[in-house]
Amino acid sequence: MLNRLRAVEWAGDWDFAFGHVKSRRILFREYLRRAAVWSRAYAEAEGVWPFFDIATYVDPEFRLAPEQDSELAEFLKRLPNGEVRNTCSGAIRLAALRAQNPDAFSDLPDLYEPLILFYERGGEFVRDNSGALDLTGVSFRLGALAGYLGNPPVALLGDAVLDALDADGRIVYYTAEDGQGPLLRRRALRGEQKDELFSRELRWEPTDAIPATETELKEAGLAELDELKAARLIGEIVAAVTGSAD
C-alpha cells in the first residue's frame, strides 16, 4: 500500500487527471459510500467522516512497527493537505492491521481501495474557497453521511470498468426499463452527438438504438441511468464476459 501511494503523482499532469474526471468522480462517490458504511460499523468515526484513519477507531491500541511508522511519517510529509494525509495513513494502517488477521472485516467493503484508485488516476483533491471539493475538473459537495448509504455499490473497479467511464463530452446513459437491456450512452461533444453501445468486446461501439425524443425513448422502453447505476452495469457486463467477481 505504501509503495502504491509513493507512486502517485500528487500534483501531477492536469490533463491526465481531467481525462479521468468521470471515473474519479465515481471512485470518490464509492469511497464516500464505503466510508459511511464503516462509520456506521464504528460509530465513534461518524463525527470525523469521511476523511479519516479508521484504524484509530477499529483498534485504538494498534501501532505500526517502528520502522513502518517511521516510513509512514516520512511519506506523509509529501502530501498536500490533512484530509489526504488522514486517508493515506488510514489505508496503510488498516492494511497492516488486516495483515495481522486476513479474515478481519470480511463483512465490510474494502474501505480505501476506491480512493487509492482515485489518487492513482490523477492525484489529490483539495478544498476550494466555497468549501466544496475540487476533484480536478469537477466541483463536488459532500452532503450528509446518511445520503451515501443508499447509493448502489460499485463493486468492480478494474481498468475495464473505469476506462469505459472516461470520455470527453456530456454523457447520458440509457438501458431498458426492466434493467435487462444493453447499456447505451449518448455523448455530446463540440456540437456533435454520438450514440454508442457498450458491447461484449468491452468497448463502446456506434449504435442507432437511442431514439431522438423523450416520447420515443418511452415507447422504446428505455430509461435514463445515473452515472453510479451505469458504472455498476458496466461492472456486471465486464464480470459476465471475463468471469471477474471483484
C-alpha atoms as a PDB file:
ATOM      1  CA  MET A   1       0.000   0.000   0.000  1.00  0.00           C
ATOM      2  CA  LEU A   2       2.789   2.435   0.850  1.00  0.00           C
ATOM      3  CA  ASN A   3       4.518   1.671  -2.451  1.00  0.00           C
ATOM      4  CA  ARG A   4       1.302   2.351  -4.380  1.00  0.00           C
ATOM      5  CA  LEU A   5       0.875   5.689  -2.671  1.00  0.00           C
ATOM      6  CA  ARG A   6       4.507   6.645  -3.186  1.00  0.00           C
ATOM      7  CA  ALA A   7       4.000   6.141  -6.934  1.00  0.00           C
ATOM      8  CA  VAL A   8       1.090   8.633  -7.130  1.00  0.00           C
ATOM      9  CA  GLU A   9       1.735  11.942  -8.895  1.00  0.00           C
ATOM     10  CA  TRP A  10       0.117  14.060  -6.211  1.00  0.00           C
ATOM     11  CA  ALA A  11       0.212  17.359  -8.048  1.00  0.00           C
ATOM     12  CA  GLY A  12       0.853  15.891 -11.447  1.00  0.00           C
ATOM     13  CA  ASP A  13      -0.402  16.236 -15.004  1.00  0.00           C
ATOM     14  CA  TRP A  14      -3.675  18.214 -15.091  1.00  0.00           C
ATOM     15  CA  ASP A  15      -4.575  16.774 -18.494  1.00  0.00           C
ATOM     16  CA  PHE A  16      -4.153  13.227 -17.137  1.00  0.00           C
ATOM     17  CA  ALA A  17      -6.433  13.961 -14.182  1.00  0.00           C
ATOM     18  CA  PHE A  18      -9.016  15.728 -16.336  1.00  0.00           C
ATOM     19  CA  GLY A  19      -9.040  12.796 -18.762  1.00  0.00           C
ATOM     20  CA  HIS A  20     -10.123  10.565 -15.866  1.00  0.00           C
ATOM     21  CA  VAL A  21     -12.584  13.006 -14.322  1.00  0.00           C
ATOM     22  CA  LYS A  22     -15.659  10.792 -14.763  1.00  0.00           C
ATOM     23  CA  SER A  23     -14.099   7.631 -13.326  1.00  0.00           C
ATOM     24  CA  ARG A  24     -12.556   9.667 -10.497  1.00  0.00           C
ATOM     25  CA  ARG A  25     -15.967  11.053  -9.575  1.00  0.00           C
ATOM     26  CA  ILE A  26     -17.400   7.522  -9.449  1.00  0.00           C
ATOM     27  CA  LEU A  27     -14.451   6.330  -7.341  1.00  0.00           C
ATOM     28  CA  PHE A  28     -14.879   9.274  -4.979  1.00  0.00           C
ATOM     29  CA  ARG A  29     -18.591   8.625  -4.541  1.00  0.00           C
ATOM     30  CA  GLU A  30     -17.941   4.923  -3.941  1.00  0.00           C
ATOM     31  CA  TYR A  31     -15.319   5.773  -1.318  1.00  0.00           C
ATOM     32  CA  LEU A  32     -17.811   8.048   0.454  1.00  0.00           C
ATOM     33  CA  ARG A  33     -20.389   5.242   0.443  1.00  0.00           C
ATOM     34  CA  ARG A  34     -17.910   2.775   1.919  1.00  0.00           C
ATOM     35  CA  ALA A  35     -16.729   5.320   4.470  1.00  0.00           C
ATOM     36  CA  ALA A  36     -20.367   5.793   5.533  1.00  0.00           C
ATOM     37  CA  VAL A  37     -20.772   2.019   5.951  1.00  0.00           C
ATOM     38  CA  TRP A  38     -17.617   1.829   8.083  1.00  0.00           C
ATOM     39  CA  SER A  39     -18.711   4.833  10.128  1.00  0.00           C
ATOM     40  CA  ARG A  40     -21.953   3.094  10.992  1.00  0.00           C
ATOM     41  CA  ALA A  41     -19.991  -0.012  11.988  1.00  0.00           C
ATOM     42  CA  TYR A  42     -17.665   2.074  14.206  1.00  0.00           C
ATOM     43  CA  ALA A  43     -19.999   4.796  15.417  1.00  0.00           C
ATOM     44  CA  GLU A  44     -17.240   6.881  17.024  1.00  0.00           C
ATOM     45  CA  ALA A  45     -15.994   7.622  13.497  1.00  0.00           C
ATOM     46  CA  GLU A  46     -19.234   9.270  12.347  1.00  0.00           C
ATOM     47  CA  GLY A  47     -18.129  12.646  13.686  1.00  0.00           C
ATOM     48  CA  VAL A  48     -14.974  12.671  11.546  1.00  0.00           C
ATOM     49  CA  TRP A  49     -16.425  11.082   8.383  1.00  0.00           C
ATOM     50  CA  PRO A  50     -15.352  10.844   5.620  1.00  0.00           C
ATOM     51  CA  PHE A  51     -11.589  11.508   5.512  1.00  0.00           C
ATOM     52  CA  PHE A  52     -10.353   9.549   8.484  1.00  0.00           C
ATOM     53  CA  ASP A  53      -7.823   6.996   9.671  1.00  0.00           C
ATOM     54  CA  ILE A  54     -10.340   4.290  10.520  1.00  0.00           C
ATOM     55  CA  ALA A  55      -7.743   2.109  12.263  1.00  0.00           C
ATOM     56  CA  THR A  56      -7.859   4.592  15.150  1.00  0.00           C
ATOM     57  CA  TYR A  57     -11.482   3.570  15.746  1.00  0.00           C
ATOM     58  CA  VAL A  58     -11.178  -0.106  14.857  1.00  0.00           C
ATOM     59  CA  ASP A  59      -8.355  -0.713  17.334  1.00  0.00           C
ATOM     60  CA  PRO A  60      -7.258   2.317  19.400  1.00  0.00           C
ATOM     61  CA  GLU A  61      -4.293   0.323  20.737  1.00  0.00           C
ATOM     62  CA  PHE A  62      -2.919  -0.603  17.323  1.00  0.00           C
ATOM     63  CA  ARG A  63       0.555   0.645  16.414  1.00  0.00           C
ATOM     64  CA  LEU A  64       2.706   0.064  13.361  1.00  0.00           C
ATOM     65  CA  ALA A  65       6.113  -1.482  13.813  1.00  0.00           C
ATOM     66  CA  PRO A  66       8.672   1.289  14.498  1.00  0.00           C
ATOM     67  CA  GLU A  67      10.296   1.035  11.050  1.00  0.00           C
ATOM     68  CA  GLN A  68       6.910   1.129   9.304  1.00  0.00           C
ATOM     69  CA  ASP A  69       5.805   4.049  11.434  1.00  0.00           C
ATOM     70  CA  SER A  70       8.938   5.983  10.533  1.00  0.00           C
ATOM     71  CA  GLU A  71       8.459   5.322   6.807  1.00  0.00           C
ATOM     72  CA  LEU A  72       4.824   6.403   7.032  1.00  0.00           C
ATOM     73  CA  ALA A  73       5.692   9.626   8.860  1.00  0.00           C
ATOM     74  CA  GLU A  74       8.291  10.485   6.210  1.00  0.00           C
ATOM     75  CA  PHE A  75       5.863   9.777   3.386  1.00  0.00           C
ATOM     76  CA  LEU A  76       3.056  11.868   4.895  1.00  0.00           C
ATOM     77  CA  LYS A  77       5.267  14.964   4.758  1.00  0.00           C
ATOM     78  CA  ARG A  78       4.957  14.863   0.959  1.00  0.00           C
ATOM     79  CA  LEU A  79       1.170  15.064   0.896  1.00  0.00           C
ATOM     80  CA  PRO A  80      -0.745  18.228   0.062  1.00  0.00           C
ATOM     81  CA  ASN A  81      -3.352  18.510   2.841  1.00  0.00           C
ATOM     82  CA  GLY A  82      -4.595  16.976   6.065  1.00  0.00           C
ATOM     83  CA  GLU A  83      -7.561  15.165   4.528  1.00  0.00           C
ATOM     84  CA  VAL A  84      -5.340  13.372   2.028  1.00  0.00           C
ATOM     85  CA  ARG A  85      -2.837  12.592   4.796  1.00  0.00           C
ATOM     86  CA  ASN A  86      -5.577  11.117   7.004  1.00  0.00           C
ATOM     87  CA  THR A  87      -6.825   8.781   4.300  1.00  0.00           C
ATOM     88  CA  CYS A  88      -3.346   7.643   3.238  1.00  0.00           C
ATOM     89  CA  SER A  89      -2.385   6.991   6.832  1.00  0.00           C
ATOM     90  CA  GLY A  90      -5.642   5.093   7.272  1.00  0.00           C
ATOM     91  CA  ALA A  91      -5.073   2.980   4.161  1.00  0.00           C
ATOM     92  CA  ILE A  92      -1.591   1.956   5.279  1.00  0.00           C
ATOM     93  CA  ARG A  93      -2.516   1.308   8.902  1.00  0.00           C
ATOM     94  CA  LEU A  94      -5.677  -0.626   8.003  1.00  0.00           C
ATOM     95  CA  ALA A  95      -3.648  -2.775   5.579  1.00  0.00           C
ATOM     96  CA  ALA A  96      -1.171  -3.523   8.376  1.00  0.00           C
ATOM     97  CA  LEU A  97      -3.982  -4.271  10.809  1.00  0.00           C
ATOM     98  CA  ARG A  98      -5.627  -6.605   8.308  1.00  0.00           C
ATOM     99  CA  ALA A  99      -2.281  -8.356   7.644  1.00  0.00           C
ATOM    100  CA  GLN A 100      -2.341  -9.496  11.264  1.00  0.00           C
ATOM    101  CA  ASN A 101      -5.744 -11.104  10.693  1.00  0.00           C
ATOM    102  CA  PRO A 102      -6.564 -11.631   6.985  1.00  0.00           C
ATOM    103  CA  ASP A 103     -10.156 -12.609   7.784  1.00  0.00           C
ATOM    104  CA  ALA A 104     -10.869  -9.406   9.713  1.00  0.00           C
ATOM    105  CA  PHE A 105     -13.572  -7.051   8.421  1.00  0.00           C
ATOM    106  CA  SER A 106     -14.781  -9.615   5.868  1.00  0.00           C
ATOM    107  CA  ASP A 107     -18.326  -8.303   6.331  1.00  0.00           C
ATOM    108  CA  LEU A 108     -17.321  -4.753   5.329  1.00  0.00           C
ATOM    109  CA  PRO A 109     -16.333  -3.394   1.886  1.00  0.00           C
ATOM    110  CA  ASP A 110     -12.674  -2.682   1.145  1.00  0.00           C
ATOM    111  CA  LEU A 111     -12.660   0.852   2.510  1.00  0.00           C
ATOM    112  CA  TYR A 112      -9.791   2.708   0.904  1.00  0.00           C
ATOM    113  CA  GLU A 113      -9.403   0.967  -2.478  1.00  0.00           C
ATOM    114  CA  PRO A 114     -11.714   3.360  -4.392  1.00  0.00           C
ATOM    115  CA  LEU A 115      -9.836   6.363  -3.015  1.00  0.00           C
ATOM    116  CA  ILE A 116      -6.413   4.871  -3.747  1.00  0.00           C
ATOM    117  CA  LEU A 117      -7.556   4.291  -7.336  1.00  0.00           C
ATOM    118  CA  PHE A 118      -8.818   7.891  -7.394  1.00  0.00           C
ATOM    119  CA  TYR A 119      -5.359   9.089  -6.378  1.00  0.00           C
ATOM    120  CA  GLU A 120      -3.671   6.842  -8.933  1.00  0.00           C
ATOM    121  CA  ARG A 121      -5.871   8.246 -11.723  1.00  0.00           C
ATOM    122  CA  GLY A 122      -4.999  11.882 -11.152  1.00  0.00           C
ATOM    123  CA  GLY A 123      -3.644  12.782  -7.732  1.00  0.00           C
ATOM    124  CA  GLU A 124      -5.038  14.908  -4.942  1.00  0.00           C
ATOM    125  CA  PHE A 125      -8.327  16.566  -4.121  1.00  0.00           C
ATOM    126  CA  VAL A 126      -8.464  19.976  -2.426  1.00  0.00           C
ATOM    127  CA  ARG A 127     -10.988  22.306  -0.821  1.00  0.00           C
ATOM    128  CA  ASP A 128     -11.957  25.356  -2.844  1.00  0.00           C
ATOM    129  CA  ASN A 129     -12.833  28.768  -1.415  1.00  0.00           C
ATOM    130  CA  SER A 130     -16.521  27.854  -1.088  1.00  0.00           C
ATOM    131  CA  GLY A 131     -15.812  24.727   0.961  1.00  0.00           C
ATOM    132  CA  ALA A 132     -16.583  22.377  -1.929  1.00  0.00           C
ATOM    133  CA  LEU A 133     -14.063  19.778  -3.028  1.00  0.00           C
ATOM    134  CA  ASP A 134     -12.111  20.254  -6.236  1.00  0.00           C
ATOM    135  CA  LEU A 135     -11.584  16.845  -7.838  1.00  0.00           C
ATOM    136  CA  THR A 136      -9.624  18.406 -10.727  1.00  0.00           C
ATOM    137  CA  GLY A 137     -12.128  19.230 -13.407  1.00  0.00           C
ATOM    138  CA  VAL A 138     -15.265  18.958 -11.299  1.00  0.00           C
ATOM    139  CA  SER A 139     -16.550  20.597  -8.116  1.00  0.00           C
ATOM    140  CA  PHE A 140     -18.059  18.208  -5.568  1.00  0.00           C
ATOM    141  CA  ARG A 141     -20.135  18.932  -2.453  1.00  0.00           C
ATOM    142  CA  LEU A 142     -20.178  16.238   0.188  1.00  0.00           C
ATOM    143  CA  GLY A 143     -23.694  16.284   1.577  1.00  0.00           C
ATOM    144  CA  ALA A 144     -24.644  14.156   4.592  1.00  0.00           C
ATOM    145  CA  LEU A 145     -23.284  10.750   5.561  1.00  0.00           C
ATOM    146  CA  ALA A 146     -26.720   9.111   5.530  1.00  0.00           C
ATOM    147  CA  GLY A 147     -27.272  10.075   1.908  1.00  0.00           C
ATOM    148  CA  TYR A 148     -24.465   7.770   0.773  1.00  0.00           C
ATOM    149  CA  LEU A 149     -25.772   4.657   2.482  1.00  0.00           C
ATOM    150  CA  GLY A 150     -28.468   4.286  -0.167  1.00  0.00           C
ATOM    151  CA  ASN A 151     -26.096   4.560  -3.125  1.00  0.00           C
ATOM    152  CA  PRO A 152     -25.811   1.415  -5.253  1.00  0.00           C
ATOM    153  CA  PRO A 153     -22.417  -0.190  -4.561  1.00  0.00           C
ATOM    154  CA  VAL A 154     -19.888  -0.210  -7.383  1.00  0.00           C
ATOM    155  CA  ALA A 155     -18.045  -3.424  -6.622  1.00  0.00           C
ATOM    156  CA  LEU A 156     -15.983  -3.939  -9.786  1.00  0.00           C
ATOM    157  CA  LEU A 157     -13.332  -1.210 -10.055  1.00  0.00           C
ATOM    158  CA  GLY A 158     -10.793  -2.578 -12.518  1.00  0.00           C
ATOM    159  CA  ASP A 159      -9.416  -0.706 -15.517  1.00  0.00           C
ATOM    160  CA  ALA A 160     -12.021  -2.153 -17.895  1.00  0.00           C
ATOM    161  CA  VAL A 161     -14.803  -0.509 -15.893  1.00  0.00           C
ATOM    162  CA  LEU A 162     -13.033   2.745 -15.081  1.00  0.00           C
ATOM    163  CA  ASP A 163     -11.721   3.298 -18.609  1.00  0.00           C
ATOM    164  CA  ALA A 164     -15.218   2.713 -20.001  1.00  0.00           C
ATOM    165  CA  LEU A 165     -16.496   5.605 -17.887  1.00  0.00           C
ATOM    166  CA  ASP A 166     -13.950   8.120 -19.136  1.00  0.00           C
ATOM    167  CA  ALA A 167     -14.845  10.014 -22.313  1.00  0.00           C
ATOM    168  CA  ASP A 168     -14.998  13.616 -23.417  1.00  0.00           C
ATOM    169  CA  GLY A 169     -18.282  15.456 -23.603  1.00  0.00           C
ATOM    170  CA  ARG A 170     -21.615  15.421 -21.814  1.00  0.00           C
ATOM    171  CA  ILE A 171     -22.863  11.855 -21.376  1.00  0.00           C
ATOM    172  CA  VAL A 172     -26.341  10.469 -20.733  1.00  0.00           C
ATOM    173  CA  TYR A 173     -26.752   6.717 -20.133  1.00  0.00           C
ATOM    174  CA  TYR A 174     -29.773   4.573 -21.018  1.00  0.00           C
ATOM    175  CA  THR A 175     -30.860   0.976 -20.638  1.00  0.00           C
ATOM    176  CA  ALA A 176     -34.110  -0.971 -20.818  1.00  0.00           C
ATOM    177  CA  GLU A 177     -36.636  -0.039 -18.154  1.00  0.00           C
ATOM    178  CA  ASP A 178     -36.605  -3.634 -16.881  1.00  0.00           C
ATOM    179  CA  GLY A 179     -32.803  -3.472 -16.486  1.00  0.00           C
ATOM    180  CA  GLN A 180     -32.291  -6.387 -18.861  1.00  0.00           C
ATOM    181  CA  GLY A 181     -31.236  -4.488 -21.953  1.00  0.00           C
ATOM    182  CA  PRO A 182     -27.858  -3.289 -23.215  1.00  0.00           C
ATOM    183  CA  LEU A 183     -26.095  -0.230 -21.840  1.00  0.00           C
ATOM    184  CA  LEU A 184     -26.305   2.749 -24.175  1.00  0.00           C
ATOM    185  CA  ARG A 185     -24.877   6.242 -23.969  1.00  0.00           C
ATOM    186  CA  ARG A 186     -25.481   9.491 -25.819  1.00  0.00           C
ATOM    187  CA  ARG A 187     -22.391  11.694 -25.910  1.00  0.00           C
ATOM    188  CA  ALA A 188     -22.492  15.369 -26.891  1.00  0.00           C
ATOM    189  CA  LEU A 189     -19.127  16.827 -27.838  1.00  0.00           C
ATOM    190  CA  ARG A 190     -18.408  20.129 -29.579  1.00  0.00           C
ATOM    191  CA  GLY A 191     -21.787  20.269 -31.255  1.00  0.00           C
ATOM    192  CA  GLU A 192     -21.765  16.624 -32.348  1.00  0.00           C
ATOM    193  CA  GLN A 193     -23.832  13.771 -30.937  1.00  0.00           C
ATOM    194  CA  LYS A 194     -22.594  10.196 -30.741  1.00  0.00           C
ATOM    195  CA  ASP A 195     -24.805   7.268 -29.755  1.00  0.00           C
ATOM    196  CA  GLU A 196     -22.900   4.219 -28.531  1.00  0.00           C
ATOM    197  CA  LEU A 197     -23.460   0.766 -27.029  1.00  0.00           C
ATOM    198  CA  PHE A 198     -21.155  -0.968 -24.535  1.00  0.00           C
ATOM    199  CA  SER A 199     -20.507  -4.296 -26.227  1.00  0.00           C
ATOM    200  CA  ARG A 200     -19.353  -7.683 -25.011  1.00  0.00           C
ATOM    201  CA  GLU A 201     -15.983  -6.802 -26.516  1.00  0.00           C
ATOM    202  CA  LEU A 202     -15.875  -4.299 -23.600  1.00  0.00           C
ATOM    203  CA  ARG A 203     -15.764  -1.219 -25.773  1.00  0.00           C
ATOM    204  CA  TRP A 204     -18.178   1.462 -26.913  1.00  0.00           C
ATOM    205  CA  GLU A 205     -19.482   0.930 -30.447  1.00  0.00           C
ATOM    206  CA  PRO A 206     -21.773   3.089 -32.628  1.00  0.00           C
ATOM    207  CA  THR A 207     -25.484   2.349 -32.409  1.00  0.00           C
ATOM    208  CA  ASP A 208     -28.764   3.712 -33.722  1.00  0.00           C
ATOM    209  CA  ALA A 209     -30.762   2.240 -30.815  1.00  0.00           C
ATOM    210  CA  ILE A 210     -31.316   5.534 -28.963  1.00  0.00           C
ATOM    211  CA  PRO A 211     -34.393   7.441 -30.182  1.00  0.00           C
ATOM    212  CA  ALA A 212     -34.266  11.206 -30.565  1.00  0.00           C
ATOM    213  CA  THR A 213     -37.202  12.297 -28.356  1.00  0.00           C
ATOM    214  CA  GLU A 214     -38.445  11.583 -24.842  1.00  0.00           C
ATOM    215  CA  THR A 215     -41.667  10.122 -26.227  1.00  0.00           C
ATOM    216  CA  GLU A 216     -39.744   7.769 -28.497  1.00  0.00           C
ATOM    217  CA  LEU A 217     -37.474   6.758 -25.603  1.00  0.00           C
ATOM    218  CA  LYS A 218     -40.522   5.739 -23.561  1.00  0.00           C
ATOM    219  CA  GLU A 219     -42.050   3.887 -26.496  1.00  0.00           C
ATOM    220  CA  ALA A 220     -38.746   2.013 -26.934  1.00  0.00           C
ATOM    221  CA  GLY A 221     -38.781   1.038 -23.247  1.00  0.00           C
ATOM    222  CA  LEU A 222     -35.568   2.911 -22.432  1.00  0.00           C
ATOM    223  CA  ALA A 223     -34.844   4.635 -19.142  1.00  0.00           C
ATOM    224  CA  GLU A 224     -32.102   7.099 -18.255  1.00  0.00           C
ATOM    225  CA  LEU A 225     -29.469   5.924 -15.755  1.00  0.00           C
ATOM    226  CA  ASP A 226     -27.384   7.996 -13.380  1.00  0.00           C
ATOM    227  CA  GLU A 227     -23.623   7.511 -13.507  1.00  0.00           C
ATOM    228  CA  LEU A 228     -23.470   5.225 -10.452  1.00  0.00           C
ATOM    229  CA  LYS A 229     -26.006   2.800 -11.873  1.00  0.00           C
ATOM    230  CA  ALA A 230     -24.240   2.940 -15.236  1.00  0.00           C
ATOM    231  CA  ALA A 231     -20.911   2.148 -13.562  1.00  0.00           C
ATOM    232  CA  ARG A 232     -22.496  -0.786 -11.784  1.00  0.00           C
ATOM    233  CA  LEU A 233     -23.984  -2.085 -15.044  1.00  0.00           C
ATOM    234  CA  ILE A 234     -20.620  -1.770 -16.806  1.00  0.00           C
ATOM    235  CA  GLY A 235     -19.153  -3.833 -13.976  1.00  0.00           C
ATOM    236  CA  GLU A 236     -21.822  -6.504 -14.401  1.00  0.00           C
ATOM    237  CA  ILE A 237     -21.094  -6.717 -18.141  1.00  0.00           C
ATOM    238  CA  VAL A 238     -17.338  -6.917 -17.531  1.00  0.00           C
ATOM    239  CA  ALA A 239     -17.864  -9.619 -14.889  1.00  0.00           C
ATOM    240  CA  ALA A 240     -20.101 -11.640 -17.193  1.00  0.00           C
ATOM    241  CA  VAL A 241     -17.543 -11.509 -20.008  1.00  0.00           C
ATOM    242  CA  THR A 242     -14.345 -12.003 -18.002  1.00  0.00           C
ATOM    243  CA  GLY A 243     -15.582 -14.013 -15.032  1.00  0.00           C
ATOM    244  CA  SER A 244     -14.271 -11.340 -12.644  1.00  0.00           C
ATOM    245  CA  ALA A 245     -16.022 -11.115  -9.289  1.00  0.00           C
ATOM    246  CA  ASP A 246     -14.314  -8.023  -7.864  1.00  0.00           C
END
